[in-house]
PDB file of all heavy atoms in Angstrom:
ATOM      1  N   VAL A   1      71.189  97.138 141.371  1.00  0.00           N
ATOM      2  CA  VAL A   1      72.437  97.359 142.109  1.00  0.00           C
ATOM      3  C   VAL A   1      73.410  96.249 141.734  1.00  0.00           C
ATOM      4  O   VAL A   1      73.019  95.203 141.209  1.00  0.00           O
ATOM      5  CB  VAL A   1      72.192  97.381 143.635  1.00  0.00           C
ATOM      6  CG1 VAL A   1      71.345  98.580 144.038  1.00  0.00           C
ATOM      7  CG2 VAL A   1      71.536  96.090 144.104  1.00  0.00           C
ATOM      8  N   ALA A   2      74.683  96.460 142.030  1.00  0.00           N
ATOM      9  CA  ALA A   2      75.732  95.585 141.515  1.00  0.00           C
ATOM     10  C   ALA A   2      75.625  94.145 141.989  1.00  0.00           C
ATOM     11  O   ALA A   2      75.956  93.215 141.245  1.00  0.00           O
ATOM     12  CB  ALA A   2      77.100  96.154 141.886  1.00  0.00           C
ATOM     13  N   ASP A   3      75.156  93.932 143.224  1.00  0.00           N
ATOM     14  CA  ASP A   3      75.212  92.580 143.791  1.00  0.00           C
ATOM     15  C   ASP A   3      73.852  91.901 143.899  1.00  0.00           C
ATOM     16  O   ASP A   3      73.712  90.899 144.605  1.00  0.00           O
ATOM     17  CB  ASP A   3      75.870  92.618 145.171  1.00  0.00           C
ATOM     18  CG  ASP A   3      75.073  93.441 146.181  1.00  0.00           C
ATOM     19  OD1 ASP A   3      74.169  94.189 145.760  1.00  0.00           O
ATOM     20  OD2 ASP A   3      75.369  93.332 147.395  1.00  0.00           O
ATOM     21  N   GLN A   4      72.842  92.408 143.202  1.00  0.00           N
ATOM     22  CA  GLN A   4      71.504  91.824 143.324  1.00  0.00           C
ATOM     23  C   GLN A   4      70.764  91.848 141.990  1.00  0.00           C
ATOM     24  O   GLN A   4      70.881  92.809 141.214  1.00  0.00           O
ATOM     25  CB  GLN A   4      70.681  92.605 144.353  1.00  0.00           C
ATOM     26  CG  GLN A   4      69.271  92.054 144.578  1.00  0.00           C
ATOM     27  CD  GLN A   4      68.337  93.097 145.178  1.00  0.00           C
ATOM     28  OE1 GLN A   4      67.977  94.072 144.531  1.00  0.00           O
ATOM     29  NE2 GLN A   4      67.965  92.880 146.438  1.00  0.00           N
ATOM     30  N   ILE A   5      70.015  90.794 141.727  1.00  0.00           N
ATOM     31  CA  ILE A   5      69.046  90.829 140.634  1.00  0.00           C
ATOM     32  C   ILE A   5      67.658  90.586 141.214  1.00  0.00           C
ATOM     33  O   ILE A   5      67.516  89.970 142.280  1.00  0.00           O
ATOM     34  CB  ILE A   5      69.339  89.800 139.514  1.00  0.00           C
ATOM     35  CG1 ILE A   5      69.226  88.360 140.032  1.00  0.00           C
ATOM     36  CG2 ILE A   5      70.689  90.074 138.865  1.00  0.00           C
ATOM     37  CD1 ILE A   5      69.321  87.317 138.917  1.00  0.00           C
ATOM     38  N   ILE A   6      66.642  91.095 140.522  1.00  0.00           N
ATOM     39  CA  ILE A   6      65.259  90.843 140.904  1.00  0.00           C
ATOM     40  C   ILE A   6      64.567  90.192 139.720  1.00  0.00           C
ATOM     41  O   ILE A   6      64.519  90.773 138.615  1.00  0.00           O
ATOM     42  CB  ILE A   6      64.513  92.137 141.280  1.00  0.00           C
ATOM     43  CG1 ILE A   6      65.259  92.891 142.382  1.00  0.00           C
ATOM     44  CG2 ILE A   6      63.086  91.806 141.745  1.00  0.00           C
ATOM     45  CD1 ILE A   6      64.630  94.234 142.739  1.00  0.00           C
ATOM     46  N   ILE A   7      64.074  88.985 139.923  1.00  0.00           N
ATOM     47  CA  ILE A   7      63.273  88.321 138.899  1.00  0.00           C
ATOM     48  C   ILE A   7      61.892  88.948 138.953  1.00  0.00           C
ATOM     49  O   ILE A   7      61.155  88.789 139.923  1.00  0.00           O
ATOM     50  CB  ILE A   7      63.175  86.804 139.146  1.00  0.00           C
ATOM     51  CG1 ILE A   7      64.550  86.191 139.382  1.00  0.00           C
ATOM     52  CG2 ILE A   7      62.445  86.135 137.994  1.00  0.00           C
ATOM     53  CD1 ILE A   7      65.480  86.262 138.218  1.00  0.00           C
ATOM     54  N   GLU A   8      61.533  89.685 137.913  1.00  0.00           N
ATOM     55  CA  GLU A   8      60.253  90.387 137.889  1.00  0.00           C
ATOM     56  C   GLU A   8      59.890  90.711 136.444  1.00  0.00           C
ATOM     57  O   GLU A   8      60.769  90.813 135.586  1.00  0.00           O
ATOM     58  CB  GLU A   8      60.327  91.680 138.711  1.00  0.00           C
ATOM     59  CG  GLU A   8      61.328  92.697 138.182  1.00  0.00           C
ATOM     60  CD  GLU A   8      61.378  93.973 139.013  1.00  0.00           C
ATOM     61  OE1 GLU A   8      60.657  94.063 140.018  1.00  0.00           O
ATOM     62  OE2 GLU A   8      62.140  94.886 138.636  1.00  0.00           O
ATOM     63  N   PRO A   9      58.593  90.903 136.153  1.00  0.00           N
ATOM     64  CA  PRO A   9      58.180  91.267 134.797  1.00  0.00           C
ATOM     65  C   PRO A   9      58.712  92.650 134.420  1.00  0.00           C
ATOM     66  O   PRO A   9      58.869  93.529 135.269  1.00  0.00           O
ATOM     67  CB  PRO A   9      56.648  91.270 134.884  1.00  0.00           C
ATOM     68  CG  PRO A   9      56.319  90.473 136.102  1.00  0.00           C
ATOM     69  CD  PRO A   9      57.444  90.707 137.050  1.00  0.00           C
ATOM     70  N   THR A  10      58.974  92.855 133.125  1.00  0.00           N
ATOM     71  CA  THR A  10      59.465  94.152 132.649  1.00  0.00           C
ATOM     72  C   THR A  10      58.671  94.658 131.444  1.00  0.00           C
ATOM     73  O   THR A  10      59.099  95.585 130.777  1.00  0.00           O
ATOM     74  CB  THR A  10      60.947  94.063 132.261  1.00  0.00           C
ATOM     75  OG1 THR A  10      61.114  93.098 131.208  1.00  0.00           O
ATOM     76  CG2 THR A  10      61.806  93.674 133.453  1.00  0.00           C
ATOM     77  N   GLU A  11      57.512  94.065 131.169  1.00  0.00           N
ATOM     78  CA  GLU A  11      56.704  94.476 130.015  1.00  0.00           C
ATOM     79  C   GLU A  11      55.555  95.366 130.476  1.00  0.00           C
ATOM     80  O   GLU A  11      54.374  94.992 130.421  1.00  0.00           O
ATOM     81  CB  GLU A  11      56.173  93.254 129.264  1.00  0.00           C
ATOM     82  CG  GLU A  11      57.232  92.516 128.479  1.00  0.00           C
ATOM     83  CD  GLU A  11      57.803  93.343 127.327  1.00  0.00           C
ATOM     84  OE1 GLU A  11      57.053  94.125 126.713  1.00  0.00           O
ATOM     85  OE2 GLU A  11      59.011  93.201 127.054  1.00  0.00           O
ATOM     86  N   LYS A  12      55.890  96.562 130.926  1.00  0.00           N
ATOM     87  CA  LYS A  12      54.858  97.487 131.405  1.00  0.00           C
ATOM     88  C   LYS A  12      53.811  97.788 130.332  1.00  0.00           C
ATOM     89  O   LYS A  12      52.631  97.990 130.646  1.00  0.00           O
ATOM     90  CB  LYS A  12      55.495  98.797 131.858  1.00  0.00           C
ATOM     91  CG  LYS A  12      56.417  98.698 133.056  1.00  0.00           C
ATOM     92  CD  LYS A  12      56.955 100.073 133.417  1.00  0.00           C
ATOM     93  CE  LYS A  12      57.936 100.031 134.562  1.00  0.00           C
ATOM     94  NZ  LYS A  12      58.429 101.383 134.919  1.00  0.00           N
ATOM     95  N   TYR A  13      54.241  97.830 129.080  1.00  0.00           N
ATOM     96  CA  TYR A  13      53.311  98.239 128.019  1.00  0.00           C
ATOM     97  C   TYR A  13      52.153  97.255 127.870  1.00  0.00           C
ATOM     98  O   TYR A  13      51.057  97.649 127.466  1.00  0.00           O
ATOM     99  CB  TYR A  13      54.040  98.396 126.691  1.00  0.00           C
ATOM    100  CG  TYR A  13      53.250  99.207 125.684  1.00  0.00           C
ATOM    101  CD1 TYR A  13      53.058 100.575 125.881  1.00  0.00           C
ATOM    102  CD2 TYR A  13      52.685  98.625 124.558  1.00  0.00           C
ATOM    103  CE1 TYR A  13      52.321 101.322 124.984  1.00  0.00           C
ATOM    104  CE2 TYR A  13      51.952  99.372 123.651  1.00  0.00           C
ATOM    105  CZ  TYR A  13      51.775 100.717 123.875  1.00  0.00           C
ATOM    106  OH  TYR A  13      51.041 101.469 122.979  1.00  0.00           O
ATOM    107  N   ARG A  14      52.380  96.001 128.200  1.00  0.00           N
ATOM    108  CA  ARG A  14      51.305  95.010 128.146  1.00  0.00           C
ATOM    109  C   ARG A  14      50.161  95.418 129.078  1.00  0.00           C
ATOM    110  O   ARG A  14      48.984  95.379 128.709  1.00  0.00           O
ATOM    111  CB  ARG A  14      51.857  93.648 128.527  1.00  0.00           C
ATOM    112  CG  ARG A  14      50.847  92.502 128.523  1.00  0.00           C
ATOM    113  CD  ARG A  14      51.573  91.194 128.757  1.00  0.00           C
ATOM    114  NE  ARG A  14      52.391  91.242 129.968  1.00  0.00           N
ATOM    115  CZ  ARG A  14      53.540  90.610 130.107  1.00  0.00           C
ATOM    116  NH1 ARG A  14      54.044  89.878 129.133  1.00  0.00           N
ATOM    117  NH2 ARG A  14      54.204  90.682 131.259  1.00  0.00           N
ATOM    118  N   GLY A  15      50.515  95.836 130.299  1.00  0.00           N
ATOM    119  CA  GLY A  15      49.501  96.281 131.247  1.00  0.00           C
ATOM    120  C   GLY A  15      48.881  97.602 130.841  1.00  0.00           C
ATOM    121  O   GLY A  15      47.676  97.831 131.046  1.00  0.00           O
ATOM    122  N   ILE A  16      49.677  98.480 130.266  1.00  0.00           N
ATOM    123  CA  ILE A  16      49.170  99.776 129.800  1.00  0.00           C
ATOM    124  C   ILE A  16      48.097  99.574 128.736  1.00  0.00           C
ATOM    125  O   ILE A  16      47.015 100.179 128.795  1.00  0.00           O
ATOM    126  CB  ILE A  16      50.325 100.636 129.254  1.00  0.00           C
ATOM    127  CG1 ILE A  16      51.220 101.116 130.409  1.00  0.00           C
ATOM    128  CG2 ILE A  16      49.801 101.820 128.454  1.00  0.00           C
ATOM    129  CD1 ILE A  16      52.507 101.775 129.957  1.00  0.00           C
ATOM    130  N   LEU A  17      48.385  98.733 127.763  1.00  0.00           N
ATOM    131  CA  LEU A  17      47.407  98.460 126.703  1.00  0.00           C
ATOM    132  C   LEU A  17      46.111  97.901 127.279  1.00  0.00           C
ATOM    133  O   LEU A  17      45.010  98.311 126.877  1.00  0.00           O
ATOM    134  CB  LEU A  17      47.980  97.467 125.698  1.00  0.00           C
ATOM    135  CG  LEU A  17      48.804  98.019 124.545  1.00  0.00           C
ATOM    136  CD1 LEU A  17      49.275  96.873 123.654  1.00  0.00           C
ATOM    137  CD2 LEU A  17      48.002  99.020 123.723  1.00  0.00           C
ATOM    138  N   GLU A  18      46.241  96.975 128.203  1.00  0.00           N
ATOM    139  CA  GLU A  18      45.058  96.367 128.822  1.00  0.00           C
ATOM    140  C   GLU A  18      44.216  97.425 129.530  1.00  0.00           C
ATOM    141  O   GLU A  18      42.991  97.457 129.401  1.00  0.00           O
ATOM    142  CB  GLU A  18      45.503  95.290 129.808  1.00  0.00           C
ATOM    143  CG  GLU A  18      44.372  94.618 130.565  1.00  0.00           C
ATOM    144  CD  GLU A  18      43.710  93.505 129.771  1.00  0.00           C
ATOM    145  OE1 GLU A  18      44.217  93.154 128.700  1.00  0.00           O
ATOM    146  OE2 GLU A  18      42.670  93.023 130.233  1.00  0.00           O
ATOM    147  N   MET A  19      44.878  98.314 130.266  1.00  0.00           N
ATOM    148  CA  MET A  19      44.140  99.339 130.990  1.00  0.00           C
ATOM    149  C   MET A  19      43.450 100.305 130.040  1.00  0.00           C
ATOM    150  O   MET A  19      42.273 100.658 130.237  1.00  0.00           O
ATOM    151  CB  MET A  19      45.063 100.103 131.937  1.00  0.00           C
ATOM    152  CG  MET A  19      44.354 101.186 132.741  1.00  0.00           C
ATOM    153  SD  MET A  19      45.379 101.934 134.026  1.00  0.00           S
ATOM    154  CE  MET A  19      45.369 100.658 135.279  1.00  0.00           C
ATOM    155  N   VAL A  20      44.148 100.748 129.017  1.00  0.00           N
ATOM    156  CA  VAL A  20      43.565 101.700 128.058  1.00  0.00           C
ATOM    157  C   VAL A  20      42.370 101.082 127.352  1.00  0.00           C
ATOM    158  O   VAL A  20      41.326 101.729 127.159  1.00  0.00           O
ATOM    159  CB  VAL A  20      44.626 102.183 127.054  1.00  0.00           C
ATOM    160  CG1 VAL A  20      43.980 102.981 125.918  1.00  0.00           C
ATOM    161  CG2 VAL A  20      45.675 103.044 127.764  1.00  0.00           C
ATOM    162  N   HIS A  21      42.468  99.825 126.971  1.00  0.00           N
ATOM    163  CA  HIS A  21      41.340  99.156 126.325  1.00  0.00           C
ATOM    164  C   HIS A  21      40.152  99.042 127.274  1.00  0.00           C
ATOM    165  O   HIS A  21      38.990  99.254 126.862  1.00  0.00           O
ATOM    166  CB  HIS A  21      41.764  97.769 125.837  1.00  0.00           C
ATOM    167  CG  HIS A  21      42.709  97.807 124.679  1.00  0.00           C
ATOM    168  ND1 HIS A  21      43.560  96.773 124.372  1.00  0.00           N
ATOM    169  CD2 HIS A  21      42.951  98.784 123.759  1.00  0.00           C
ATOM    170  CE1 HIS A  21      44.271  97.098 123.308  1.00  0.00           C
ATOM    171  NE2 HIS A  21      43.921  98.305 122.922  1.00  0.00           N
ATOM    172  N   LEU A  22      40.415  98.717 128.542  1.00  0.00           N
ATOM    173  CA  LEU A  22      39.334  98.628 129.526  1.00  0.00           C
ATOM    174  C   LEU A  22      38.648  99.972 129.743  1.00  0.00           C
ATOM    175  O   LEU A  22      37.444 100.023 130.025  1.00  0.00           O
ATOM    176  CB  LEU A  22      39.874  98.108 130.857  1.00  0.00           C
ATOM    177  CG  LEU A  22      40.239  96.623 130.914  1.00  0.00           C
ATOM    178  CD1 LEU A  22      40.927  96.293 132.239  1.00  0.00           C
ATOM    179  CD2 LEU A  22      38.999  95.750 130.738  1.00  0.00           C
ATOM    180  N   MET A  23      39.410 101.060 129.593  1.00  0.00           N
ATOM    181  CA  MET A  23      38.861 102.399 129.793  1.00  0.00           C
ATOM    182  C   MET A  23      38.270 102.982 128.517  1.00  0.00           C
ATOM    183  O   MET A  23      37.808 104.126 128.506  1.00  0.00           O
ATOM    184  CB  MET A  23      39.947 103.336 130.334  1.00  0.00           C
ATOM    185  CG  MET A  23      40.578 102.891 131.654  1.00  0.00           C
ATOM    186  SD  MET A  23      39.365 102.579 132.965  1.00  0.00           S
ATOM    187  CE  MET A  23      38.691 104.230 133.209  1.00  0.00           C
ATOM    188  N   GLY A  24      38.273 102.203 127.445  1.00  0.00           N
ATOM    189  CA  GLY A  24      37.666 102.650 126.190  1.00  0.00           C
ATOM    190  C   GLY A  24      38.532 103.598 125.378  1.00  0.00           C
ATOM    191  O   GLY A  24      38.030 104.296 124.488  1.00  0.00           O
ATOM    192  N   GLY A  25      39.838 103.634 125.681  1.00  0.00           N
ATOM    193  CA  GLY A  25      40.734 104.521 124.955  1.00  0.00           C
ATOM    194  C   GLY A  25      41.355 103.855 123.742  1.00  0.00           C
ATOM    195  O   GLY A  25      41.110 102.676 123.457  1.00  0.00           O
ATOM    196  N   LYS A  26      42.172 104.634 123.035  1.00  0.00           N
ATOM    197  CA  LYS A  26      42.843 104.143 121.835  1.00  0.00           C
ATOM    198  C   LYS A  26      44.352 104.155 122.038  1.00  0.00           C
ATOM    199  O   LYS A  26      44.894 105.033 122.717  1.00  0.00           O
ATOM    200  CB  LYS A  26      42.477 105.003 120.630  1.00  0.00           C
ATOM    201  CG  LYS A  26      41.001 104.973 120.269  1.00  0.00           C
ATOM    202  CD  LYS A  26      40.715 105.852 119.058  1.00  0.00           C
ATOM    203  CE  LYS A  26      39.246 105.820 118.687  1.00  0.00           C
ATOM    204  NZ  LYS A  26      38.950 106.690 117.510  1.00  0.00           N
ATOM    205  N   GLU A  27      45.021 103.203 121.401  1.00  0.00           N
ATOM    206  CA  GLU A  27      46.467 103.087 121.539  1.00  0.00           C
ATOM    207  C   GLU A  27      47.173 104.351 121.066  1.00  0.00           C
ATOM    208  O   GLU A  27      48.214 104.737 121.622  1.00  0.00           O
ATOM    209  CB  GLU A  27      46.960 101.867 120.770  1.00  0.00           C
ATOM    210  CG  GLU A  27      48.417 101.548 121.001  1.00  0.00           C
ATOM    211  CD  GLU A  27      48.824 100.207 120.408  1.00  0.00           C
ATOM    212  OE1 GLU A  27      47.941  99.480 119.888  1.00  0.00           O
ATOM    213  OE2 GLU A  27      50.030  99.893 120.448  1.00  0.00           O
ATOM    214  N   GLU A  28      46.627 105.017 120.082  1.00  0.00           N
ATOM    215  CA  GLU A  28      47.259 106.217 119.518  1.00  0.00           C
ATOM    216  C   GLU A  28      47.303 107.380 120.517  1.00  0.00           C
ATOM    217  O   GLU A  28      48.045 108.345 120.323  1.00  0.00           O
ATOM    218  CB  GLU A  28      46.515 106.659 118.263  1.00  0.00           C
ATOM    219  CG  GLU A  28      45.090 107.116 118.534  1.00  0.00           C
ATOM    220  CD  GLU A  28      44.265 107.255 117.266  1.00  0.00           C
ATOM    221  OE1 GLU A  28      44.286 106.327 116.436  1.00  0.00           O
ATOM    222  OE2 GLU A  28      43.601 108.298 117.101  1.00  0.00           O
ATOM    223  N   ASP A  29      46.537 107.273 121.600  1.00  0.00           N
ATOM    224  CA  ASP A  29      46.477 108.360 122.587  1.00  0.00           C
ATOM    225  C   ASP A  29      47.284 108.060 123.850  1.00  0.00           C
ATOM    226  O   ASP A  29      47.182 108.774 124.851  1.00  0.00           O
ATOM    227  CB  ASP A  29      45.020 108.639 122.962  1.00  0.00           C
ATOM    228  CG  ASP A  29      44.220 109.167 121.781  1.00  0.00           C
ATOM    229  OD1 ASP A  29      44.763 109.998 121.037  1.00  0.00           O
ATOM    230  OD2 ASP A  29      43.063 108.728 121.603  1.00  0.00           O
ATOM    231  N   ILE A  30      48.120 107.016 123.794  1.00  0.00           N
ATOM    232  CA  ILE A  30      48.930 106.648 124.952  1.00  0.00           C
ATOM    233  C   ILE A  30      50.205 107.480 125.004  1.00  0.00           C
ATOM    234  O   ILE A  30      50.915 107.643 124.013  1.00  0.00           O
ATOM    235  CB  ILE A  30      49.285 105.150 124.911  1.00  0.00           C
ATOM    236  CG1 ILE A  30      48.022 104.294 125.078  1.00  0.00           C
ATOM    237  CG2 ILE A  30      50.308 104.809 126.004  1.00  0.00           C
ATOM    238  CD1 ILE A  30      48.259 102.812 124.922  1.00  0.00           C
ATOM    239  N   VAL A  31      50.495 107.989 126.204  1.00  0.00           N
ATOM    240  CA  VAL A  31      51.731 108.731 126.480  1.00  0.00           C
ATOM    241  C   VAL A  31      52.402 108.076 127.678  1.00  0.00           C
ATOM    242  O   VAL A  31      51.734 107.748 128.659  1.00  0.00           O
ATOM    243  CB  VAL A  31      51.444 110.212 126.814  1.00  0.00           C
ATOM    244  CG1 VAL A  31      52.748 110.944 127.143  1.00  0.00           C
ATOM    245  CG2 VAL A  31      50.700 110.893 125.675  1.00  0.00           C
TER     246      VAL A  31
END
């Protein structure tokens, strides 16, 4: 919004990769 910023992480893909690897999946199968 115009009058507020939120300091927060924005690298969702980092967590996605970690989860897929933990579940035994491959990066090529990520959607």
